[in-house]
N, C-alpha and C. Protein backbone atom coordinates (compact mmCIF):
# COMPACT_ATOMS: atom_id res chain seq x y z
N MET A 1 0.83 -1.20 0.00
CA MET A 1 0.00 0.00 0.00
C MET A 1 0.87 1.26 0.00
N SER A 2 1.98 1.20 0.79
CA SER A 2 2.88 2.35 0.85
C SER A 2 3.50 2.64 -0.50
N GLN A 3 3.77 1.55 -1.28
CA GLN A 3 4.34 1.76 -2.61
C GLN A 3 3.34 2.47 -3.52
N VAL A 4 2.06 2.10 -3.44
CA VAL A 4 1.02 2.75 -4.24
C VAL A 4 0.90 4.21 -3.87
N ASN A 5 0.92 4.50 -2.56
CA ASN A 5 0.83 5.89 -2.12
C ASN A 5 2.03 6.70 -2.60
N SER A 6 3.19 6.07 -2.58
CA SER A 6 4.40 6.74 -3.04
C SER A 6 4.33 7.06 -4.52
N GLU A 7 3.79 6.10 -5.30
CA GLU A 7 3.65 6.30 -6.75
C GLU A 7 2.63 7.40 -7.03
N ASN A 8 1.54 7.42 -6.27
CA ASN A 8 0.52 8.47 -6.45
C ASN A 8 1.09 9.84 -6.13
N LYS A 9 1.91 9.89 -5.07
CA LYS A 9 2.51 11.16 -4.68
C LYS A 9 3.46 11.67 -5.75
N ARG A 10 4.23 10.76 -6.33
CA ARG A 10 5.16 11.16 -7.40
C ARG A 10 4.40 11.63 -8.61
N ALA A 11 3.25 11.01 -8.90
CA ALA A 11 2.45 11.40 -10.06
C ALA A 11 1.80 12.76 -9.87
N ARG A 12 1.44 13.09 -8.59
CA ARG A 12 0.79 14.37 -8.31
C ARG A 12 1.77 15.53 -8.29
N LYS A 13 3.02 15.26 -7.98
CA LYS A 13 3.99 16.34 -7.78
C LYS A 13 4.15 17.24 -9.01
N PRO A 14 4.34 16.69 -10.23
CA PRO A 14 4.48 17.58 -11.39
C PRO A 14 3.24 18.44 -11.62
N ARG A 15 2.07 17.88 -11.35
CA ARG A 15 0.83 18.63 -11.54
C ARG A 15 0.72 19.77 -10.54
N GLU A 16 1.09 19.49 -9.30
CA GLU A 16 1.06 20.53 -8.28
C GLU A 16 2.07 21.63 -8.58
N THR A 17 3.23 21.23 -9.09
CA THR A 17 4.25 22.22 -9.47
C THR A 17 3.74 23.09 -10.61
N ARG A 18 3.07 22.48 -11.56
CA ARG A 18 2.50 23.23 -12.69
C ARG A 18 1.48 24.25 -12.20
N ARG A 19 0.66 23.86 -11.27
CA ARG A 19 -0.35 24.76 -10.73
C ARG A 19 0.29 25.92 -9.98
N ARG A 20 1.36 25.65 -9.24
CA ARG A 20 2.06 26.72 -8.53
C ARG A 20 2.65 27.73 -9.51
N MET A 21 3.20 27.25 -10.60
CA MET A 21 3.77 28.15 -11.61
C MET A 21 2.69 28.99 -12.27
N LEU A 22 1.55 28.39 -12.55
CA LEU A 22 0.45 29.13 -13.16
C LEU A 22 -0.11 30.18 -12.21
N GLU A 23 -0.22 29.83 -10.94
CA GLU A 23 -0.74 30.79 -9.96
C GLU A 23 0.23 31.94 -9.77
N ALA A 24 1.52 31.62 -9.75
CA ALA A 24 2.53 32.68 -9.64
C ALA A 24 2.49 33.59 -10.85
N ALA A 25 2.31 33.01 -12.04
CA ALA A 25 2.22 33.81 -13.26
C ALA A 25 0.99 34.69 -13.23
N ARG A 26 -0.13 34.16 -12.77
CA ARG A 26 -1.36 34.95 -12.69
C ARG A 26 -1.15 36.17 -11.79
N GLU A 27 -0.60 35.94 -10.62
CA GLU A 27 -0.41 37.04 -9.67
C GLU A 27 0.51 38.12 -10.23
N LEU A 28 1.63 37.71 -10.81
CA LEU A 28 2.61 38.69 -11.29
C LEU A 28 2.16 39.37 -12.57
N PHE A 29 1.54 38.62 -13.48
CA PHE A 29 1.04 39.23 -14.72
C PHE A 29 -0.01 40.30 -14.41
N VAL A 30 -0.89 40.01 -13.44
CA VAL A 30 -1.94 40.98 -13.10
C VAL A 30 -1.34 42.18 -12.37
N GLN A 31 -0.41 41.93 -11.47
CA GLN A 31 0.18 43.01 -10.68
C GLN A 31 1.07 43.92 -11.53
N ARG A 32 1.91 43.31 -12.37
CA ARG A 32 2.95 44.07 -13.06
C ARG A 32 2.73 44.20 -14.57
N GLY A 33 1.91 43.31 -15.11
CA GLY A 33 1.75 43.26 -16.55
C GLY A 33 2.60 42.16 -17.14
N TYR A 34 2.17 41.65 -18.26
CA TYR A 34 2.87 40.54 -18.91
C TYR A 34 4.29 40.93 -19.31
N GLY A 35 4.43 42.06 -19.98
CA GLY A 35 5.73 42.46 -20.48
C GLY A 35 6.74 42.76 -19.40
N ALA A 36 6.28 43.25 -18.26
CA ALA A 36 7.18 43.64 -17.18
C ALA A 36 7.56 42.48 -16.26
N THR A 37 7.01 41.32 -16.50
CA THR A 37 7.27 40.17 -15.63
C THR A 37 8.24 39.21 -16.30
N ALA A 38 9.33 38.91 -15.61
CA ALA A 38 10.33 37.98 -16.12
C ALA A 38 10.01 36.56 -15.64
N LEU A 39 10.36 35.58 -16.45
CA LEU A 39 10.12 34.19 -16.06
C LEU A 39 10.87 33.84 -14.77
N GLN A 40 12.03 34.45 -14.56
CA GLN A 40 12.77 34.18 -13.33
C GLN A 40 11.96 34.62 -12.11
N GLU A 41 11.23 35.72 -12.23
CA GLU A 41 10.41 36.19 -11.12
C GLU A 41 9.27 35.22 -10.83
N ILE A 42 8.70 34.67 -11.89
CA ILE A 42 7.64 33.67 -11.72
C ILE A 42 8.20 32.42 -11.05
N ALA A 43 9.38 32.01 -11.50
CA ALA A 43 10.02 30.83 -10.90
C ALA A 43 10.30 31.05 -9.42
N ASP A 44 10.80 32.24 -9.08
CA ASP A 44 11.10 32.54 -7.68
C ASP A 44 9.84 32.47 -6.82
N ARG A 45 8.75 33.04 -7.32
CA ARG A 45 7.52 33.04 -6.54
C ARG A 45 6.94 31.63 -6.42
N ALA A 46 7.10 30.83 -7.45
CA ALA A 46 6.56 29.46 -7.44
C ALA A 46 7.49 28.50 -6.70
N GLY A 47 8.71 28.94 -6.41
CA GLY A 47 9.66 28.07 -5.70
C GLY A 47 10.24 26.99 -6.58
N VAL A 48 10.47 27.32 -7.86
CA VAL A 48 11.07 26.35 -8.78
C VAL A 48 12.22 27.01 -9.52
N ALA A 49 13.01 26.19 -10.21
CA ALA A 49 14.06 26.73 -11.07
C ALA A 49 13.42 27.24 -12.35
N VAL A 50 14.00 28.28 -12.94
CA VAL A 50 13.42 28.83 -14.16
C VAL A 50 13.43 27.80 -15.28
N GLN A 51 14.39 26.86 -15.23
CA GLN A 51 14.43 25.81 -16.24
C GLN A 51 13.18 24.93 -16.19
N THR A 52 12.57 24.84 -15.00
CA THR A 52 11.34 24.05 -14.86
C THR A 52 10.20 24.69 -15.66
N ILE A 53 10.16 26.02 -15.68
CA ILE A 53 9.14 26.71 -16.46
C ILE A 53 9.36 26.45 -17.94
N TYR A 54 10.60 26.55 -18.39
CA TYR A 54 10.90 26.30 -19.80
C TYR A 54 10.56 24.85 -20.17
N PHE A 55 10.90 23.91 -19.29
CA PHE A 55 10.64 22.50 -19.57
C PHE A 55 9.14 22.22 -19.63
N THR A 56 8.38 22.88 -18.75
CA THR A 56 6.94 22.62 -18.66
C THR A 56 6.15 23.32 -19.76
N PHE A 57 6.47 24.58 -20.03
CA PHE A 57 5.65 25.39 -20.95
C PHE A 57 6.35 25.75 -22.26
N GLY A 58 7.66 25.71 -22.27
CA GLY A 58 8.39 26.04 -23.49
C GLY A 58 8.82 27.49 -23.54
N ASN A 59 7.85 28.40 -23.36
CA ASN A 59 8.17 29.82 -23.38
C ASN A 59 7.08 30.62 -22.67
N LYS A 60 7.30 31.91 -22.57
CA LYS A 60 6.40 32.79 -21.82
C LYS A 60 5.03 32.90 -22.48
N ARG A 61 4.98 32.90 -23.81
CA ARG A 61 3.71 33.00 -24.51
C ARG A 61 2.81 31.80 -24.21
N VAL A 62 3.40 30.61 -24.26
CA VAL A 62 2.62 29.40 -24.00
C VAL A 62 2.15 29.38 -22.55
N LEU A 63 2.98 29.86 -21.64
CA LEU A 63 2.58 29.97 -20.24
C LEU A 63 1.35 30.85 -20.11
N LEU A 64 1.33 31.97 -20.81
CA LEU A 64 0.18 32.87 -20.77
C LEU A 64 -1.07 32.19 -21.34
N LYS A 65 -0.91 31.49 -22.44
CA LYS A 65 -2.05 30.79 -23.06
C LYS A 65 -2.60 29.72 -22.12
N GLU A 66 -1.69 29.00 -21.48
CA GLU A 66 -2.12 27.97 -20.52
C GLU A 66 -2.87 28.60 -19.35
N LEU A 67 -2.39 29.75 -18.89
CA LEU A 67 -3.06 30.46 -17.80
C LEU A 67 -4.47 30.85 -18.20
N ALA A 68 -4.64 31.33 -19.41
CA ALA A 68 -5.98 31.71 -19.89
C ALA A 68 -6.88 30.49 -19.96
N ASP A 69 -6.37 29.39 -20.49
CA ASP A 69 -7.18 28.18 -20.63
C ASP A 69 -7.62 27.63 -19.27
N VAL A 70 -6.69 27.60 -18.32
CA VAL A 70 -7.01 27.09 -16.99
C VAL A 70 -7.99 28.01 -16.26
N SER A 71 -7.85 29.31 -16.50
CA SER A 71 -8.78 30.26 -15.88
C SER A 71 -10.20 30.04 -16.37
N ILE A 72 -10.34 29.77 -17.65
CA ILE A 72 -11.67 29.50 -18.22
C ILE A 72 -12.24 28.20 -17.68
N ALA A 73 -11.42 27.16 -17.69
CA ALA A 73 -11.89 25.83 -17.31
C ALA A 73 -12.06 25.66 -15.80
N GLY A 74 -11.17 26.28 -15.04
CA GLY A 74 -11.20 26.09 -13.59
C GLY A 74 -10.28 24.98 -13.14
N ASP A 75 -9.70 24.26 -14.09
CA ASP A 75 -8.74 23.20 -13.79
C ASP A 75 -7.88 22.98 -15.03
N ASP A 76 -6.97 22.01 -14.95
CA ASP A 76 -6.08 21.76 -16.09
C ASP A 76 -6.48 20.53 -16.89
N GLU A 77 -7.73 20.09 -16.73
CA GLU A 77 -8.21 18.97 -17.53
C GLU A 77 -8.51 19.45 -18.96
N PRO A 78 -8.10 18.66 -19.97
CA PRO A 78 -8.32 19.08 -21.36
C PRO A 78 -9.76 18.82 -21.82
N ILE A 79 -10.70 19.51 -21.18
CA ILE A 79 -12.12 19.33 -21.49
C ILE A 79 -12.69 20.67 -21.91
N ALA A 80 -13.27 20.73 -23.09
CA ALA A 80 -13.83 21.98 -23.60
C ALA A 80 -15.02 22.41 -22.75
N THR A 81 -15.30 23.71 -22.76
CA THR A 81 -16.40 24.26 -21.95
C THR A 81 -17.71 23.54 -22.24
N MET A 82 -18.02 23.32 -23.52
CA MET A 82 -19.31 22.73 -23.86
C MET A 82 -19.40 21.24 -23.53
N ASP A 83 -18.26 20.64 -23.15
CA ASP A 83 -18.27 19.24 -22.71
C ASP A 83 -18.23 19.13 -21.20
N ARG A 84 -18.19 20.26 -20.53
CA ARG A 84 -18.13 20.27 -19.07
C ARG A 84 -19.48 19.86 -18.48
N PRO A 85 -19.48 19.18 -17.32
CA PRO A 85 -20.74 18.73 -16.70
C PRO A 85 -21.75 19.85 -16.49
N TRP A 86 -21.30 21.03 -16.05
CA TRP A 86 -22.25 22.11 -15.75
C TRP A 86 -22.98 22.55 -17.02
N PHE A 87 -22.25 22.58 -18.14
CA PHE A 87 -22.87 23.03 -19.39
C PHE A 87 -23.83 21.97 -19.91
N GLN A 88 -23.44 20.71 -19.82
CA GLN A 88 -24.31 19.63 -20.26
C GLN A 88 -25.56 19.52 -19.39
N GLU A 89 -25.41 19.79 -18.10
CA GLU A 89 -26.57 19.79 -17.20
C GLU A 89 -27.54 20.89 -17.59
N ALA A 90 -27.00 22.06 -17.93
CA ALA A 90 -27.86 23.17 -18.34
C ALA A 90 -28.61 22.83 -19.62
N LEU A 91 -27.91 22.25 -20.60
CA LEU A 91 -28.56 21.87 -21.85
C LEU A 91 -29.68 20.85 -21.62
N ALA A 92 -29.50 20.01 -20.64
CA ALA A 92 -30.48 18.95 -20.38
C ALA A 92 -31.68 19.43 -19.56
N ALA A 93 -31.64 20.65 -19.07
CA ALA A 93 -32.76 21.17 -18.27
C ALA A 93 -34.05 21.15 -19.09
N GLU A 94 -35.17 20.92 -18.42
CA GLU A 94 -36.43 20.73 -19.12
C GLU A 94 -37.09 22.02 -19.56
N THR A 95 -36.82 23.12 -18.87
CA THR A 95 -37.46 24.38 -19.21
C THR A 95 -36.42 25.45 -19.53
N ALA A 96 -36.87 26.48 -20.22
CA ALA A 96 -35.98 27.59 -20.56
C ALA A 96 -35.46 28.26 -19.29
N ASP A 97 -36.34 28.46 -18.31
CA ASP A 97 -35.93 29.13 -17.08
C ASP A 97 -34.89 28.32 -16.34
N ALA A 98 -35.07 27.01 -16.26
CA ALA A 98 -34.12 26.16 -15.55
C ALA A 98 -32.77 26.17 -16.25
N GLN A 99 -32.78 26.10 -17.58
CA GLN A 99 -31.52 26.15 -18.31
C GLN A 99 -30.81 27.48 -18.11
N LEU A 100 -31.58 28.55 -18.19
CA LEU A 100 -30.99 29.88 -18.05
C LEU A 100 -30.35 30.05 -16.68
N ARG A 101 -31.00 29.59 -15.65
CA ARG A 101 -30.46 29.72 -14.29
C ARG A 101 -29.12 28.99 -14.18
N LEU A 102 -29.07 27.78 -14.71
CA LEU A 102 -27.84 26.99 -14.65
C LEU A 102 -26.75 27.61 -15.52
N HIS A 103 -27.15 28.14 -16.68
CA HIS A 103 -26.18 28.74 -17.59
C HIS A 103 -25.56 30.00 -16.97
N VAL A 104 -26.37 30.81 -16.36
CA VAL A 104 -25.86 32.03 -15.71
C VAL A 104 -24.95 31.68 -14.55
N HIS A 105 -25.33 30.67 -13.79
CA HIS A 105 -24.50 30.26 -12.65
C HIS A 105 -23.13 29.77 -13.12
N GLY A 106 -23.12 28.89 -14.11
CA GLY A 106 -21.86 28.36 -14.62
C GLY A 106 -20.99 29.44 -15.23
N THR A 107 -21.62 30.35 -15.97
CA THR A 107 -20.87 31.43 -16.60
C THR A 107 -20.31 32.39 -15.56
N THR A 108 -21.05 32.64 -14.49
CA THR A 108 -20.57 33.53 -13.44
C THR A 108 -19.30 32.98 -12.80
N ARG A 109 -19.25 31.69 -12.61
CA ARG A 109 -18.05 31.08 -12.04
C ARG A 109 -16.86 31.26 -12.97
N ILE A 110 -17.08 31.14 -14.27
CA ILE A 110 -15.99 31.36 -15.23
C ILE A 110 -15.54 32.81 -15.19
N LEU A 111 -16.49 33.72 -15.19
CA LEU A 111 -16.16 35.14 -15.19
C LEU A 111 -15.37 35.54 -13.95
N GLY A 112 -15.66 34.92 -12.83
CA GLY A 112 -14.93 35.21 -11.62
C GLY A 112 -13.45 34.88 -11.75
N ARG A 113 -13.14 33.88 -12.58
CA ARG A 113 -11.74 33.49 -12.80
C ARG A 113 -11.10 34.28 -13.94
N VAL A 114 -11.88 34.58 -14.97
CA VAL A 114 -11.31 35.18 -16.18
C VAL A 114 -11.27 36.70 -16.13
N ALA A 115 -12.31 37.32 -15.57
CA ALA A 115 -12.40 38.78 -15.60
C ALA A 115 -11.16 39.48 -15.04
N PRO A 116 -10.56 38.98 -13.93
CA PRO A 116 -9.39 39.67 -13.38
C PRO A 116 -8.18 39.70 -14.32
N ILE A 117 -8.13 38.78 -15.29
CA ILE A 117 -6.95 38.75 -16.17
C ILE A 117 -7.25 39.23 -17.58
N ILE A 118 -8.51 39.58 -17.87
CA ILE A 118 -8.88 39.89 -19.25
C ILE A 118 -8.16 41.12 -19.79
N GLU A 119 -8.03 42.15 -18.97
CA GLU A 119 -7.37 43.36 -19.44
C GLU A 119 -5.87 43.12 -19.64
N MET A 120 -5.27 42.33 -18.76
CA MET A 120 -3.87 41.97 -18.91
C MET A 120 -3.65 41.19 -20.20
N LEU A 121 -4.55 40.27 -20.52
CA LEU A 121 -4.43 39.48 -21.75
C LEU A 121 -4.50 40.37 -22.99
N ARG A 122 -5.40 41.32 -22.98
CA ARG A 122 -5.54 42.20 -24.13
C ARG A 122 -4.31 43.09 -24.30
N ALA A 123 -3.79 43.60 -23.18
CA ALA A 123 -2.59 44.43 -23.24
C ALA A 123 -1.40 43.62 -23.74
N ALA A 124 -1.31 42.37 -23.30
CA ALA A 124 -0.21 41.51 -23.73
C ALA A 124 -0.30 41.23 -25.23
N ALA A 125 -1.52 40.99 -25.73
CA ALA A 125 -1.70 40.70 -27.15
C ALA A 125 -1.36 41.91 -28.02
N LEU A 126 -1.64 43.10 -27.51
CA LEU A 126 -1.30 44.31 -28.25
C LEU A 126 0.21 44.53 -28.30
N ALA A 127 0.88 44.16 -27.22
CA ALA A 127 2.32 44.37 -27.14
C ALA A 127 3.11 43.30 -27.87
N ASP A 128 2.54 42.11 -27.98
CA ASP A 128 3.26 40.98 -28.58
C ASP A 128 2.37 40.30 -29.61
N PRO A 129 2.59 40.54 -30.90
CA PRO A 129 1.76 39.93 -31.96
C PRO A 129 1.75 38.41 -31.90
N GLY A 130 2.80 37.82 -31.37
CA GLY A 130 2.84 36.37 -31.27
C GLY A 130 1.78 35.81 -30.35
N ILE A 131 1.39 36.60 -29.34
CA ILE A 131 0.34 36.17 -28.43
C ILE A 131 -1.01 36.18 -29.13
N ALA A 132 -1.24 37.22 -29.91
CA ALA A 132 -2.50 37.31 -30.64
C ALA A 132 -2.70 36.09 -31.54
N GLU A 133 -1.61 35.58 -32.10
CA GLU A 133 -1.71 34.41 -32.97
C GLU A 133 -2.14 33.17 -32.20
N LEU A 134 -1.73 33.08 -30.93
CA LEU A 134 -2.13 31.93 -30.11
C LEU A 134 -3.63 31.92 -29.85
N PHE A 135 -4.22 33.12 -29.75
CA PHE A 135 -5.64 33.23 -29.43
C PHE A 135 -6.49 33.49 -30.67
N ASP A 136 -5.87 33.74 -31.80
CA ASP A 136 -6.60 34.15 -33.00
C ASP A 136 -7.51 33.02 -33.49
N GLN A 137 -8.80 33.30 -33.58
CA GLN A 137 -9.77 32.35 -34.09
C GLN A 137 -10.81 33.12 -34.89
N ASP A 138 -11.37 32.44 -35.89
CA ASP A 138 -12.35 33.10 -36.75
C ASP A 138 -13.60 33.49 -35.96
N THR A 139 -13.98 32.66 -35.00
CA THR A 139 -15.17 32.93 -34.20
C THR A 139 -14.79 33.00 -32.73
N ASP A 140 -15.32 33.97 -32.04
CA ASP A 140 -15.06 34.12 -30.60
C ASP A 140 -15.58 32.87 -29.87
N PRO A 141 -14.72 32.12 -29.18
CA PRO A 141 -15.17 30.91 -28.49
C PRO A 141 -16.30 31.19 -27.50
N ARG A 142 -16.27 32.34 -26.87
CA ARG A 142 -17.33 32.71 -25.92
C ARG A 142 -18.67 32.83 -26.62
N PHE A 143 -18.66 33.40 -27.82
CA PHE A 143 -19.91 33.51 -28.59
C PHE A 143 -20.40 32.13 -29.02
N THR A 144 -19.47 31.25 -29.37
CA THR A 144 -19.85 29.88 -29.75
C THR A 144 -20.56 29.17 -28.61
N VAL A 145 -20.04 29.32 -27.41
CA VAL A 145 -20.65 28.69 -26.24
C VAL A 145 -22.05 29.23 -26.00
N HIS A 146 -22.20 30.56 -26.03
CA HIS A 146 -23.51 31.15 -25.78
C HIS A 146 -24.49 30.85 -26.91
N THR A 147 -24.00 30.74 -28.13
CA THR A 147 -24.88 30.39 -29.24
C THR A 147 -25.43 28.98 -29.09
N THR A 148 -24.57 28.06 -28.67
CA THR A 148 -25.01 26.68 -28.44
C THR A 148 -26.07 26.65 -27.35
N ALA A 149 -25.85 27.41 -26.28
CA ALA A 149 -26.84 27.48 -25.20
C ALA A 149 -28.14 28.09 -25.70
N ALA A 150 -28.03 29.14 -26.51
CA ALA A 150 -29.23 29.84 -27.00
C ALA A 150 -30.06 28.96 -27.91
N ARG A 151 -29.43 28.17 -28.74
CA ARG A 151 -30.17 27.27 -29.64
C ARG A 151 -30.98 26.25 -28.86
N SER A 152 -30.41 25.77 -27.76
CA SER A 152 -31.15 24.85 -26.90
C SER A 152 -32.25 25.59 -26.16
N LEU A 153 -31.93 26.75 -25.65
CA LEU A 153 -32.89 27.56 -24.89
C LEU A 153 -34.14 27.87 -25.71
N ALA A 154 -33.95 28.17 -26.98
CA ALA A 154 -35.06 28.58 -27.83
C ALA A 154 -36.06 27.46 -28.10
N THR A 155 -35.67 26.23 -27.79
CA THR A 155 -36.56 25.08 -28.04
C THR A 155 -37.32 24.65 -26.79
N LYS A 156 -37.04 25.27 -25.66
CA LYS A 156 -37.58 24.79 -24.39
C LYS A 156 -38.92 25.43 -24.05
N PRO A 157 -39.76 24.71 -23.31
CA PRO A 157 -40.98 25.32 -22.79
C PRO A 157 -40.62 26.49 -21.88
N GLY A 158 -41.39 27.56 -22.01
CA GLY A 158 -41.15 28.72 -21.17
C GLY A 158 -40.32 29.79 -21.84
N ILE A 159 -39.87 29.54 -23.08
CA ILE A 159 -39.16 30.60 -23.79
C ILE A 159 -40.16 31.68 -24.19
N ARG A 160 -39.77 32.90 -24.12
CA ARG A 160 -40.67 34.00 -24.44
C ARG A 160 -41.06 33.96 -25.91
N HIS A 161 -42.31 34.22 -26.18
CA HIS A 161 -42.82 34.17 -27.56
C HIS A 161 -42.05 35.14 -28.45
N GLY A 162 -41.62 34.64 -29.58
CA GLY A 162 -40.94 35.48 -30.55
C GLY A 162 -39.43 35.54 -30.39
N VAL A 163 -38.90 35.00 -29.31
CA VAL A 163 -37.45 35.02 -29.10
C VAL A 163 -36.79 33.98 -29.99
N THR A 164 -35.86 34.41 -30.80
CA THR A 164 -35.12 33.50 -31.67
C THR A 164 -33.81 33.11 -31.01
N ALA A 165 -33.22 32.03 -31.51
CA ALA A 165 -31.92 31.60 -30.99
C ALA A 165 -30.87 32.67 -31.20
N GLU A 166 -30.96 33.36 -32.35
CA GLU A 166 -29.96 34.41 -32.65
C GLU A 166 -30.06 35.56 -31.65
N HIS A 167 -31.30 35.96 -31.35
CA HIS A 167 -31.50 37.06 -30.39
C HIS A 167 -31.04 36.64 -28.99
N ALA A 168 -31.37 35.42 -28.61
CA ALA A 168 -30.96 34.91 -27.29
C ALA A 168 -29.44 34.86 -27.19
N ALA A 169 -28.78 34.43 -28.26
CA ALA A 169 -27.31 34.37 -28.26
C ALA A 169 -26.70 35.75 -28.06
N ASP A 170 -27.27 36.75 -28.73
CA ASP A 170 -26.76 38.11 -28.60
C ASP A 170 -26.89 38.61 -27.15
N LEU A 171 -28.04 38.32 -26.54
CA LEU A 171 -28.25 38.78 -25.16
C LEU A 171 -27.32 38.06 -24.19
N LEU A 172 -27.15 36.76 -24.36
CA LEU A 172 -26.24 36.01 -23.49
C LEU A 172 -24.81 36.50 -23.66
N PHE A 173 -24.41 36.70 -24.89
CA PHE A 173 -23.05 37.15 -25.18
C PHE A 173 -22.79 38.55 -24.62
N GLY A 174 -23.77 39.42 -24.74
CA GLY A 174 -23.60 40.79 -24.29
C GLY A 174 -23.65 40.96 -22.79
N LEU A 175 -24.66 40.36 -22.15
CA LEU A 175 -24.85 40.56 -20.72
C LEU A 175 -23.89 39.73 -19.87
N LEU A 176 -23.54 38.54 -20.36
CA LEU A 176 -22.63 37.68 -19.59
C LEU A 176 -21.20 37.89 -20.07
N SER A 177 -20.79 39.13 -20.12
CA SER A 177 -19.46 39.48 -20.64
C SER A 177 -18.52 39.83 -19.50
N PRO A 178 -17.23 39.59 -19.68
CA PRO A 178 -16.27 39.96 -18.64
C PRO A 178 -16.24 41.46 -18.39
N GLU A 179 -16.50 42.26 -19.42
CA GLU A 179 -16.50 43.71 -19.26
C GLU A 179 -17.62 44.16 -18.31
N LEU A 180 -18.80 43.59 -18.49
CA LEU A 180 -19.93 43.97 -17.63
C LEU A 180 -19.74 43.43 -16.22
N TYR A 181 -19.18 42.25 -16.13
CA TYR A 181 -18.89 41.67 -14.82
C TYR A 181 -17.92 42.57 -14.05
N LEU A 182 -16.86 43.01 -14.71
CA LEU A 182 -15.89 43.89 -14.06
C LEU A 182 -16.52 45.23 -13.66
N LEU A 183 -17.38 45.75 -14.50
CA LEU A 183 -18.03 47.02 -14.22
C LEU A 183 -18.79 46.97 -12.89
N PHE A 184 -19.53 45.90 -12.69
CA PHE A 184 -20.35 45.81 -11.48
C PHE A 184 -19.56 45.28 -10.28
N VAL A 185 -18.78 44.22 -10.49
CA VAL A 185 -18.11 43.56 -9.36
C VAL A 185 -16.85 44.31 -8.92
N ARG A 186 -16.01 44.67 -9.85
CA ARG A 186 -14.78 45.38 -9.50
C ARG A 186 -15.02 46.87 -9.27
N ASP A 187 -15.68 47.50 -10.23
CA ASP A 187 -15.81 48.96 -10.16
C ASP A 187 -16.91 49.43 -9.21
N ARG A 188 -18.02 48.71 -9.16
CA ARG A 188 -19.13 49.14 -8.31
C ARG A 188 -19.24 48.36 -7.01
N GLY A 189 -18.39 47.37 -6.83
CA GLY A 189 -18.32 46.67 -5.55
C GLY A 189 -19.39 45.64 -5.29
N TRP A 190 -20.08 45.18 -6.35
CA TRP A 190 -21.06 44.12 -6.16
C TRP A 190 -20.35 42.81 -5.82
N SER A 191 -21.05 41.95 -5.09
CA SER A 191 -20.53 40.59 -4.88
C SER A 191 -20.85 39.76 -6.12
N PRO A 192 -20.11 38.69 -6.36
CA PRO A 192 -20.44 37.81 -7.48
C PRO A 192 -21.88 37.28 -7.41
N ASP A 193 -22.36 37.00 -6.19
CA ASP A 193 -23.73 36.51 -6.05
C ASP A 193 -24.74 37.58 -6.46
N GLN A 194 -24.48 38.83 -6.09
CA GLN A 194 -25.37 39.93 -6.51
C GLN A 194 -25.39 40.04 -8.03
N TRP A 195 -24.22 39.94 -8.63
CA TRP A 195 -24.14 40.06 -10.08
C TRP A 195 -24.88 38.91 -10.75
N GLU A 196 -24.70 37.70 -10.24
CA GLU A 196 -25.37 36.54 -10.82
C GLU A 196 -26.89 36.69 -10.74
N SER A 197 -27.38 37.15 -9.58
CA SER A 197 -28.82 37.34 -9.42
C SER A 197 -29.33 38.38 -10.40
N TRP A 198 -28.62 39.49 -10.54
CA TRP A 198 -29.04 40.54 -11.47
C TRP A 198 -29.00 40.03 -12.91
N ALA A 199 -27.95 39.33 -13.28
CA ALA A 199 -27.83 38.84 -14.66
C ALA A 199 -28.96 37.86 -14.98
N TYR A 200 -29.25 36.97 -14.04
CA TYR A 200 -30.35 36.02 -14.27
C TYR A 200 -31.68 36.75 -14.39
N ASP A 201 -31.97 37.67 -13.47
CA ASP A 201 -33.24 38.40 -13.51
C ASP A 201 -33.39 39.19 -14.81
N THR A 202 -32.32 39.83 -15.23
CA THR A 202 -32.37 40.65 -16.44
C THR A 202 -32.58 39.79 -17.68
N LEU A 203 -31.84 38.70 -17.77
CA LEU A 203 -31.99 37.82 -18.93
C LEU A 203 -33.34 37.10 -18.91
N SER A 204 -33.78 36.70 -17.73
CA SER A 204 -35.06 36.02 -17.62
C SER A 204 -36.20 36.90 -18.10
N SER A 205 -36.16 38.18 -17.78
CA SER A 205 -37.22 39.10 -18.21
C SER A 205 -37.25 39.25 -19.72
N GLN A 206 -36.11 39.06 -20.36
CA GLN A 206 -36.03 39.21 -21.81
C GLN A 206 -36.28 37.91 -22.57
N LEU A 207 -35.94 36.78 -21.93
CA LEU A 207 -35.96 35.52 -22.67
C LEU A 207 -37.05 34.55 -22.25
N CYS A 208 -37.57 34.68 -21.04
CA CYS A 208 -38.53 33.70 -20.53
C CYS A 208 -39.92 34.32 -20.36
N SER A 209 -40.93 33.50 -20.62
CA SER A 209 -42.29 33.96 -20.44
C SER A 209 -42.64 33.99 -18.96
N ARG A 210 -43.58 34.85 -18.61
CA ARG A 210 -43.98 35.00 -17.22
C ARG A 210 -45.35 34.38 -17.01
């Protein structure tokens, strides 16, 4: 049994080290900016050799991309947002209102992780064209997620008469945005729970029948 525990501990160690490096990068990138942060500083804060960062991520750009991906997902599992249990549970909800409530809740949790780094990511992409290439996609992944949710929402009992999937997607994309989240939570001092309640109430009034 001790051998099994020892093997499990050895298997967990690289993953825990990776998480420490990502957390150190998040803190320093947000505090100082991407360009002003050296990999050696990240290594020092994470308690690793700088060579460990190079071995794990390859370079600073890939480290930033990994940080963004983990912030969206909430973990380092290679599972797309639309394959995540919370999203699938929302799609399976029987009514439009039930799906919307679950969708807003799941999205709020993502925004809580992503919103604090969104401005840093944009500044980094402007300063380094190579970063923009890592994130460059024909369609905004966030819009793709909300469009998939909207198409399901539009078929459910309780959807407001006349609401199309396209209109629902626009409202989800616009209201559940990191910019609006930051405006209320960071700038106006709302709690995440207050913001979630407001977002659900606002979207429900537009998308669900009463």
